[in-house]
Amino acid sequence: MKPTSASFIALYVLVLAFAVFLLSRPASIVSFVATEKNAALSVITDAQTDTAHQNANTSDESLRKVSLSFGDTVVKVDIADTYELHVRGLSGRGSLAEDEGMLFIYSEDGYYSFWMPDMLFPIDIIWLDANYKVVFVKKNATPESYPETFSPSGPSRYVLEVPSGFAERHGVSAGTVAFVHSGD
C-alpha cells in the first residue's frame, strides 16, 4: 500500500500535537544527549532550570535534611526524593560547603546515571547500596563534562553529591559504609 499525502499530514499533526503536549508539561524542554554508547532523550523544564538558578549559592531551606557520616566526617545533606528534585539536583547552585551535599533517594536499586547540566562547580558523585555501602565513586565530575553521563559499576539505591575532592580527602571508596543520622 502506497502512503498518501493525507497520511503524512496526519502523522505530522500527530507528531506536532505530541511536541506541543511535551512542551506544555511541567517537565518539558527536550534535550538530546548523545554519547558513544547510547542516545537518550531527556525532558527538563524551563521552570526547573529557572528554579535551580534562583537557588544558586544557597541551600534550599524547604528541602528535608539528614546527616550522613563516613567515620568522623559528618555531611549535612539535602534530600532529593521526588522526580522534580532528582531533575533539579544541584543545578544552578553556586557551591557546597565541605560538609554539605545532596542525597538522591530512589525506591529501588538501579543503575542511576548522572550528568552535569547547569552545574557551576565540580563534585564527587558517590553511589551507595540499600545498606549505605559505597558501590562506586566518580571523582571530580566537572561542569565541562556535560553532556557526558556517569554511571555506577553496580546497582545503587542512593546517590550522594559532595564537593569535588571530598572522597579523596575523607577516604571514601567502594566498600566504605556511611551512617545516617536522622533528626539532625
Protein backbone atom coordinates (compact mmCIF):
# COMPACT_ATOMS: atom_id res chain seq x y z
CA MET A 1 0.00 0.00 0.00
CA LYS A 2 1.43 3.35 -1.01
CA PRO A 3 1.24 6.09 1.65
CA THR A 4 -0.81 9.10 0.69
CA SER A 5 -0.11 12.74 1.39
CA ALA A 6 -3.09 12.66 3.75
CA SER A 7 -1.36 10.00 5.88
CA PHE A 8 1.82 12.12 6.01
CA ILE A 9 -0.23 15.12 7.08
CA ALA A 10 -1.96 13.05 9.76
CA LEU A 11 1.42 11.80 11.02
CA TYR A 12 2.81 15.36 11.02
CA VAL A 13 -0.20 16.62 13.01
CA LEU A 14 0.22 13.75 15.50
CA VAL A 15 3.94 14.48 15.99
CA LEU A 16 3.24 18.20 16.31
CA ALA A 17 0.48 17.56 18.87
CA PHE A 18 2.84 15.34 20.88
CA ALA A 19 5.54 18.05 20.80
CA VAL A 20 3.03 20.66 22.00
CA PHE A 21 1.95 18.26 24.75
CA LEU A 22 5.56 17.79 25.90
CA LEU A 23 6.30 21.48 25.82
CA SER A 24 3.20 22.29 27.86
CA ARG A 25 4.09 19.78 30.59
CA PRO A 26 5.83 20.84 33.81
CA ALA A 27 8.73 18.74 32.56
CA SER A 28 9.42 19.90 29.10
CA ILE A 29 12.48 21.32 27.44
CA VAL A 30 13.60 18.40 25.34
CA SER A 31 17.33 17.98 25.00
CA PHE A 32 19.12 15.25 23.16
CA VAL A 33 22.16 13.67 24.75
CA ALA A 34 24.41 11.53 22.61
CA THR A 35 27.32 9.52 23.88
CA GLU A 36 29.35 6.97 22.02
CA LYS A 37 27.42 4.17 23.77
CA ASN A 38 23.88 5.47 23.73
CA ALA A 39 21.47 8.23 22.91
CA ALA A 40 18.95 9.36 25.48
CA LEU A 41 16.05 11.76 25.36
CA SER A 42 15.81 13.84 28.49
CA VAL A 43 12.90 16.03 29.47
CA ILE A 44 13.78 19.06 31.60
CA THR A 45 11.70 22.17 32.16
CA ASP A 46 12.42 25.84 31.83
CA ALA A 47 10.73 26.23 35.19
CA GLN A 48 13.06 23.70 36.81
CA THR A 49 16.10 25.41 35.30
CA ASP A 50 14.81 28.82 36.46
CA THR A 51 14.19 27.42 39.94
CA ALA A 52 17.69 25.98 40.03
CA HIS A 53 19.16 29.36 39.11
CA GLN A 54 17.04 31.05 41.79
CA ASN A 55 18.60 28.67 44.31
CA ALA A 56 22.16 29.45 43.19
CA ASN A 57 24.64 29.92 46.03
CA THR A 58 22.18 28.79 48.69
CA SER A 59 20.92 25.58 50.16
CA ASP A 60 17.18 25.14 49.67
CA GLU A 61 15.71 25.59 53.13
CA SER A 62 12.48 23.85 52.05
CA LEU A 63 14.26 20.55 51.44
CA ARG A 64 14.31 17.89 54.12
CA LYS A 65 17.76 17.29 55.60
CA VAL A 66 19.65 14.47 57.27
CA SER A 67 23.27 13.92 58.18
CA LEU A 68 25.50 11.15 56.87
CA SER A 69 28.82 10.20 58.34
CA PHE A 70 31.85 8.46 56.95
CA GLY A 71 33.87 7.71 60.08
CA ASP A 72 34.34 11.02 61.90
CA THR A 73 33.28 13.10 58.88
CA VAL A 74 29.68 14.34 59.02
CA VAL A 75 27.91 15.68 55.94
CA LYS A 76 24.63 17.63 56.15
CA VAL A 77 22.61 16.66 53.08
CA ASP A 78 19.50 17.96 51.35
CA ILE A 79 17.16 15.11 50.42
CA ALA A 80 16.14 14.71 46.77
CA ASP A 81 13.39 12.09 46.82
CA THR A 82 10.97 13.19 44.08
CA TYR A 83 11.26 13.27 40.30
CA GLU A 84 11.36 17.07 40.31
CA LEU A 85 14.15 17.17 42.90
CA HIS A 86 16.07 14.45 41.03
CA VAL A 87 15.91 16.51 37.84
CA ARG A 88 16.90 19.77 39.54
CA GLY A 89 19.60 18.34 41.80
CA LEU A 90 22.39 20.85 42.43
CA SER A 91 22.00 22.51 39.01
CA GLY A 92 22.41 26.25 39.26
CA ARG A 93 23.62 26.22 42.87
CA GLY A 94 26.83 28.23 43.24
CA SER A 95 28.73 25.97 45.64
CA LEU A 96 28.64 23.49 48.50
CA ALA A 97 30.49 23.80 51.79
CA GLU A 98 32.87 20.93 52.59
CA ASP A 99 30.29 19.44 54.98
CA GLU A 100 27.27 19.76 52.64
CA GLY A 101 25.79 17.56 49.95
CA MET A 102 22.66 16.28 48.29
CA LEU A 103 21.35 12.74 48.76
CA PHE A 104 19.23 11.31 45.95
CA ILE A 105 16.89 8.61 47.22
CA TYR A 106 15.34 6.01 44.91
CA SER A 107 12.61 3.50 45.72
CA GLU A 108 14.51 0.55 44.29
CA ASP A 109 18.03 -0.48 43.36
CA GLY A 110 19.18 0.54 39.90
CA TYR A 111 21.98 1.88 37.73
CA TYR A 112 21.26 5.61 38.12
CA SER A 113 23.21 7.81 35.72
CA PHE A 114 24.10 11.42 36.42
CA TRP A 115 25.24 14.33 34.28
CA MET A 116 26.19 17.95 34.86
CA PRO A 117 23.75 20.32 33.08
CA ASP A 118 23.67 23.82 34.59
CA MET A 119 26.28 22.86 37.19
CA LEU A 120 28.57 25.66 38.30
CA PHE A 121 31.22 23.68 40.20
CA PRO A 122 32.80 20.19 40.18
CA ILE A 123 31.56 17.44 42.50
CA ASP A 124 32.25 13.88 43.59
CA ILE A 125 29.33 11.52 42.95
CA ILE A 126 29.05 8.60 45.38
CA TRP A 127 26.64 5.71 44.69
CA LEU A 128 25.52 3.70 47.75
CA ASP A 129 23.53 0.47 48.04
CA ALA A 130 20.43 -0.07 50.21
CA ASN A 131 22.72 -0.54 53.27
CA TYR A 132 24.63 2.72 52.57
CA LYS A 133 27.72 0.83 51.43
CA VAL A 134 29.60 2.71 48.70
CA VAL A 135 29.24 0.96 45.34
CA PHE A 136 31.13 3.42 43.13
CA VAL A 137 32.72 6.88 43.26
CA LYS A 138 33.06 9.30 40.35
CA LYS A 139 35.66 11.83 41.45
CA ASN A 140 35.74 15.37 40.09
CA ALA A 141 32.74 15.38 37.76
CA THR A 142 33.08 18.82 36.16
CA PRO A 143 30.52 21.15 34.57
CA GLU A 144 32.56 20.96 31.36
CA SER A 145 31.88 17.20 31.15
CA TYR A 146 28.25 17.82 30.14
CA PRO A 147 26.64 16.01 28.25
CA GLU A 148 28.72 13.01 29.38
CA THR A 149 26.87 10.73 31.81
CA PHE A 150 28.33 8.96 34.83
CA SER A 151 27.05 5.57 35.99
CA PRO A 152 27.94 3.19 38.81
CA SER A 153 29.63 -0.19 38.36
CA GLY A 154 26.85 -1.88 40.35
CA PRO A 155 23.25 -1.22 41.40
CA SER A 156 22.61 1.50 43.96
CA ARG A 157 19.70 2.87 46.00
CA TYR A 158 21.19 6.24 46.98
CA VAL A 159 23.45 8.74 45.27
CA LEU A 160 25.38 11.40 47.20
CA GLU A 161 26.78 14.55 45.59
CA VAL A 162 29.50 16.33 47.56
CA PRO A 163 32.21 18.90 46.74
CA SER A 164 34.98 17.69 44.43
CA GLY A 165 37.86 16.13 46.36
CA PHE A 166 35.64 15.05 49.27
CA ALA A 167 36.05 11.31 48.58
CA GLU A 168 39.83 11.52 48.45
CA ARG A 169 40.16 13.83 51.48
CA HIS A 170 37.98 11.57 53.63
CA GLY A 171 39.00 8.13 52.33
CA VAL A 172 35.62 7.32 50.77
CA SER A 173 35.85 4.50 48.22
CA ALA A 174 33.96 1.36 47.15
CA GLY A 175 33.17 -0.65 50.28
CA THR A 176 33.10 2.33 52.68
CA VAL A 177 29.91 2.41 54.74
CA ALA A 178 28.02 5.62 55.53
CA PHE A 179 25.83 6.03 58.59
CA VAL A 180 22.61 8.02 58.56
CA HIS A 181 21.71 10.34 61.42
CA SER A 182 18.08 11.35 61.18
CA GLY A 183 16.66 14.29 63.08
CA ASP A 184 19.88 16.33 62.89
